[in-house]
Amino acid sequence: MEFRDAAMTERVLERMIFVAKTLAATAYDVVADPALLARIREEFEHRTRK
């Protein structure tokens, strides 16, 4: 089976929708909670500081 064909199965489409909803919910949480965004930025700065 080709990748293209495997990627178009019902199972894969259901999982893609699940992942999209999960990412959207995460984005909402970050936008809706300024304290969460601040913690994320702080951790990002700490991890990427040289």
PDB file of N, CA and C in Angstrom:
ATOM      1  N   MET A   1       0.841  -1.171   0.000  1.00  0.00           N
ATOM      2  CA  MET A   1       0.000   0.000   0.000  1.00  0.00           C
ATOM      3  C   MET A   1       0.897   1.248   0.000  1.00  0.00           C
ATOM      4  N   GLU A   2       0.586   2.175  -0.845  1.00  0.00           N
ATOM      5  CA  GLU A   2       1.331   3.433  -0.929  1.00  0.00           C
ATOM      6  C   GLU A   2       0.966   4.331   0.262  1.00  0.00           C
ATOM      7  N   PHE A   3       1.903   5.192   0.637  1.00  0.00           N
ATOM      8  CA  PHE A   3       1.662   6.115   1.741  1.00  0.00           C
ATOM      9  C   PHE A   3       0.408   6.944   1.481  1.00  0.00           C
ATOM     10  N   ARG A   4       0.285   7.425   0.264  1.00  0.00           N
ATOM     11  CA  ARG A   4      -0.862   8.260  -0.105  1.00  0.00           C
ATOM     12  C   ARG A   4      -2.173   7.528   0.143  1.00  0.00           C
ATOM     13  N   ASP A   5      -2.218   6.268  -0.223  1.00  0.00           N
ATOM     14  CA  ASP A   5      -3.431   5.464  -0.033  1.00  0.00           C
ATOM     15  C   ASP A   5      -3.688   5.208   1.452  1.00  0.00           C
ATOM     16  N   ALA A   6      -2.631   4.918   2.197  1.00  0.00           N
ATOM     17  CA  ALA A   6      -2.770   4.648   3.629  1.00  0.00           C
ATOM     18  C   ALA A   6      -3.227   5.894   4.370  1.00  0.00           C
ATOM     19  N   ALA A   7      -2.782   7.056   3.908  1.00  0.00           N
ATOM     20  CA  ALA A   7      -3.112   8.310   4.578  1.00  0.00           C
ATOM     21  C   ALA A   7      -4.578   8.696   4.384  1.00  0.00           C
ATOM     22  N   MET A   8      -5.239   8.089   3.456  1.00  0.00           N
ATOM     23  CA  MET A   8      -6.628   8.440   3.178  1.00  0.00           C
ATOM     24  C   MET A   8      -7.628   7.431   3.735  1.00  0.00           C
ATOM     25  N   THR A   9      -7.230   6.667   4.727  1.00  0.00           N
ATOM     26  CA  THR A   9      -8.152   5.713   5.329  1.00  0.00           C
ATOM     27  C   THR A   9      -9.029   6.420   6.355  1.00  0.00           C
ATOM     28  N   GLU A  10     -10.153   5.828   6.672  1.00  0.00           N
ATOM     29  CA  GLU A  10     -11.083   6.395   7.652  1.00  0.00           C
ATOM     30  C   GLU A  10     -10.401   6.559   9.015  1.00  0.00           C
ATOM     31  N   ARG A  11      -9.599   5.571   9.401  1.00  0.00           N
ATOM     32  CA  ARG A  11      -8.900   5.619  10.692  1.00  0.00           C
ATOM     33  C   ARG A  11      -7.968   6.830  10.760  1.00  0.00           C
ATOM     34  N   VAL A  12      -7.236   7.072   9.702  1.00  0.00           N
ATOM     35  CA  VAL A  12      -6.304   8.202   9.679  1.00  0.00           C
ATOM     36  C   VAL A  12      -7.070   9.521   9.704  1.00  0.00           C
ATOM     37  N   LEU A  13      -8.139   9.609   8.959  1.00  0.00           N
ATOM     38  CA  LEU A  13      -8.919  10.847   8.949  1.00  0.00           C
ATOM     39  C   LEU A  13      -9.504  11.135  10.336  1.00  0.00           C
ATOM     40  N   GLU A  14      -9.979  10.110  11.033  1.00  0.00           N
ATOM     41  CA  GLU A  14     -10.492  10.303  12.391  1.00  0.00           C
ATOM     42  C   GLU A  14      -9.390  10.791  13.324  1.00  0.00           C
ATOM     43  N   ARG A  15      -8.215  10.241  13.198  1.00  0.00           N
ATOM     44  CA  ARG A  15      -7.098  10.663  14.060  1.00  0.00           C
ATOM     45  C   ARG A  15      -6.655  12.088  13.726  1.00  0.00           C
ATOM     46  N   MET A  16      -6.690  12.448  12.451  1.00  0.00           N
ATOM     47  CA  MET A  16      -6.329  13.812  12.067  1.00  0.00           C
ATOM     48  C   MET A  16      -7.296  14.810  12.695  1.00  0.00           C
ATOM     49  N   ILE A  17      -8.575  14.488  12.699  1.00  0.00           N
ATOM     50  CA  ILE A  17      -9.569  15.364  13.314  1.00  0.00           C
ATOM     51  C   ILE A  17      -9.326  15.462  14.815  1.00  0.00           C
ATOM     52  N   PHE A  18      -9.032  14.332  15.460  1.00  0.00           N
ATOM     53  CA  PHE A  18      -8.731  14.336  16.894  1.00  0.00           C
ATOM     54  C   PHE A  18      -7.534  15.236  17.196  1.00  0.00           C
ATOM     55  N   VAL A  19      -6.481  15.097  16.412  1.00  0.00           N
ATOM     56  CA  VAL A  19      -5.273  15.903  16.629  1.00  0.00           C
ATOM     57  C   VAL A  19      -5.571  17.378  16.402  1.00  0.00           C
ATOM     58  N   ALA A  20      -6.321  17.700  15.367  1.00  0.00           N
ATOM     59  CA  ALA A  20      -6.666  19.098  15.098  1.00  0.00           C
ATOM     60  C   ALA A  20      -7.466  19.694  16.254  1.00  0.00           C
ATOM     61  N   LYS A  21      -8.411  18.941  16.794  1.00  0.00           N
ATOM     62  CA  LYS A  21      -9.194  19.421  17.935  1.00  0.00           C
ATOM     63  C   LYS A  21      -8.316  19.605  19.172  1.00  0.00           C
ATOM     64  N   THR A  22      -7.382  18.690  19.378  1.00  0.00           N
ATOM     65  CA  THR A  22      -6.479  18.783  20.525  1.00  0.00           C
ATOM     66  C   THR A  22      -5.593  20.014  20.410  1.00  0.00           C
ATOM     67  N   LEU A  23      -5.056  20.260  19.227  1.00  0.00           N
ATOM     68  CA  LEU A  23      -4.226  21.451  19.017  1.00  0.00           C
ATOM     69  C   LEU A  23      -5.045  22.730  19.208  1.00  0.00           C
ATOM     70  N   ALA A  24      -6.275  22.739  18.714  1.00  0.00           N
ATOM     71  CA  ALA A  24      -7.136  23.914  18.874  1.00  0.00           C
ATOM     72  C   ALA A  24      -7.449  24.157  20.348  1.00  0.00           C
ATOM     73  N   ALA A  25      -7.717  23.103  21.100  1.00  0.00           N
ATOM     74  CA  ALA A  25      -8.010  23.248  22.524  1.00  0.00           C
ATOM     75  C   ALA A  25      -6.791  23.774  23.277  1.00  0.00           C
ATOM     76  N   THR A  26      -5.619  23.297  22.903  1.00  0.00           N
ATOM     77  CA  THR A  26      -4.386  23.770  23.533  1.00  0.00           C
ATOM     78  C   THR A  26      -4.172  25.249  23.231  1.00  0.00           C
ATOM     79  N   ALA A  27      -4.378  25.636  21.983  1.00  0.00           N
ATOM     80  CA  ALA A  27      -4.229  27.048  21.607  1.00  0.00           C
ATOM     81  C   ALA A  27      -5.211  27.916  22.391  1.00  0.00           C
ATOM     82  N   TYR A  28      -6.429  27.443  22.542  1.00  0.00           N
ATOM     83  CA  TYR A  28      -7.425  28.188  23.312  1.00  0.00           C
ATOM     84  C   TYR A  28      -6.960  28.361  24.761  1.00  0.00           C
ATOM     85  N   ASP A  29      -6.478  27.289  25.360  1.00  0.00           N
ATOM     86  CA  ASP A  29      -5.998  27.364  26.743  1.00  0.00           C
ATOM     87  C   ASP A  29      -4.910  28.416  26.893  1.00  0.00           C
ATOM     88  N   VAL A  30      -3.991  28.462  25.944  1.00  0.00           N
ATOM     89  CA  VAL A  30      -2.880  29.418  26.010  1.00  0.00           C
ATOM     90  C   VAL A  30      -3.391  30.849  25.849  1.00  0.00           C
ATOM     91  N   VAL A  31      -4.300  31.056  24.917  1.00  0.00           N
ATOM     92  CA  VAL A  31      -4.821  32.407  24.667  1.00  0.00           C
ATOM     93  C   VAL A  31      -5.711  32.870  25.825  1.00  0.00           C
ATOM     94  N   ALA A  32      -6.453  31.959  26.396  1.00  0.00           N
ATOM     95  CA  ALA A  32      -7.422  32.316  27.435  1.00  0.00           C
ATOM     96  C   ALA A  32      -6.786  32.498  28.816  1.00  0.00           C
ATOM     97  N   ASP A  33      -5.565  32.041  28.991  1.00  0.00           N
ATOM     98  CA  ASP A  33      -4.929  32.094  30.315  1.00  0.00           C
ATOM     99  C   ASP A  33      -3.586  32.809  30.222  1.00  0.00           C
ATOM    100  N   PRO A  34      -3.578  34.101  30.509  1.00  0.00           N
ATOM    101  CA  PRO A  34      -2.325  34.868  30.407  1.00  0.00           C
ATOM    102  C   PRO A  34      -1.204  34.302  31.280  1.00  0.00           C
ATOM    103  N   ALA A  35      -1.534  33.739  32.436  1.00  0.00           N
ATOM    104  CA  ALA A  35      -0.507  33.169  33.305  1.00  0.00           C
ATOM    105  C   ALA A  35       0.137  31.948  32.646  1.00  0.00           C
ATOM    106  N   LEU A  36      -0.665  31.158  31.972  1.00  0.00           N
ATOM    107  CA  LEU A  36      -0.123  29.997  31.261  1.00  0.00           C
ATOM    108  C   LEU A  36       0.814  30.451  30.150  1.00  0.00           C
ATOM    109  N   LEU A  37       0.398  31.456  29.404  1.00  0.00           N
ATOM    110  CA  LEU A  37       1.258  31.979  28.337  1.00  0.00           C
ATOM    111  C   LEU A  37       2.574  32.506  28.913  1.00  0.00           C
ATOM    112  N   ALA A  38       2.510  33.176  30.034  1.00  0.00           N
ATOM    113  CA  ALA A  38       3.727  33.693  30.667  1.00  0.00           C
ATOM    114  C   ALA A  38       4.660  32.556  31.072  1.00  0.00           C
ATOM    115  N   ARG A  39       4.096  31.475  31.630  1.00  0.00           N
ATOM    116  CA  ARG A  39       4.930  30.327  32.013  1.00  0.00           C
ATOM    117  C   ARG A  39       5.553  29.674  30.785  1.00  0.00           C
ATOM    118  N   ILE A  40       4.794  29.582  29.710  1.00  0.00           N
ATOM    119  CA  ILE A  40       5.317  28.988  28.476  1.00  0.00           C
ATOM    120  C   ILE A  40       6.460  29.838  27.934  1.00  0.00           C
ATOM    121  N   ARG A  41       6.264  31.142  27.905  1.00  0.00           N
ATOM    122  CA  ARG A  41       7.320  32.037  27.407  1.00  0.00           C
ATOM    123  C   ARG A  41       8.573  31.945  28.275  1.00  0.00           C
ATOM    124  N   GLU A  42       8.368  31.900  29.586  1.00  0.00           N
ATOM    125  CA  GLU A  42       9.505  31.805  30.506  1.00  0.00           C
ATOM    126  C   GLU A  42      10.293  30.518  30.269  1.00  0.00           C
ATOM    127  N   GLU A  43       9.585  29.413  30.131  1.00  0.00           N
ATOM    128  CA  GLU A  43      10.279  28.150  29.885  1.00  0.00           C
ATOM    129  C   GLU A  43      10.989  28.168  28.533  1.00  0.00           C
ATOM    130  N   PHE A  44      10.326  28.732  27.526  1.00  0.00           N
ATOM    131  CA  PHE A  44      10.945  28.822  26.205  1.00  0.00           C
ATOM    132  C   PHE A  44      12.233  29.635  26.267  1.00  0.00           C
ATOM    133  N   GLU A  45      12.165  30.790  26.919  1.00  0.00           N
ATOM    134  CA  GLU A  45      13.360  31.636  27.045  1.00  0.00           C
ATOM    135  C   GLU A  45      14.468  30.905  27.791  1.00  0.00           C
ATOM    136  N   HIS A  46      14.109  30.208  28.850  1.00  0.00           N
ATOM    137  CA  HIS A  46      15.104  29.458  29.622  1.00  0.00           C
ATOM    138  C   HIS A  46      15.754  28.374  28.769  1.00  0.00           C
ATOM    139  N   ARG A  47      14.967  27.651  27.998  1.00  0.00           N
ATOM    140  CA  ARG A  47      15.495  26.542  27.205  1.00  0.00           C
ATOM    141  C   ARG A  47      16.278  26.996  25.966  1.00  0.00           C
ATOM    142  N   THR A  48      15.976  28.184  25.464  1.00  0.00           N
ATOM    143  CA  THR A  48      16.637  28.626  24.232  1.00  0.00           C
ATOM    144  C   THR A  48      17.730  29.653  24.482  1.00  0.00           C
ATOM    145  N   ARG A  49      17.930  30.033  25.741  1.00  0.00           N
ATOM    146  CA  ARG A  49      18.967  30.988  26.078  1.00  0.00           C
ATOM    147  C   ARG A  49      20.335  30.369  25.787  1.00  0.00           C
ATOM    148  N   LYS A  50      21.234  31.153  25.242  1.00  0.00           N
ATOM    149  CA  LYS A  50      22.574  30.635  24.912  1.00  0.00           C
ATOM    150  C   LYS A  50      23.588  31.180  25.864  1.00  0.00           C
TER     151      LYS A  50
END
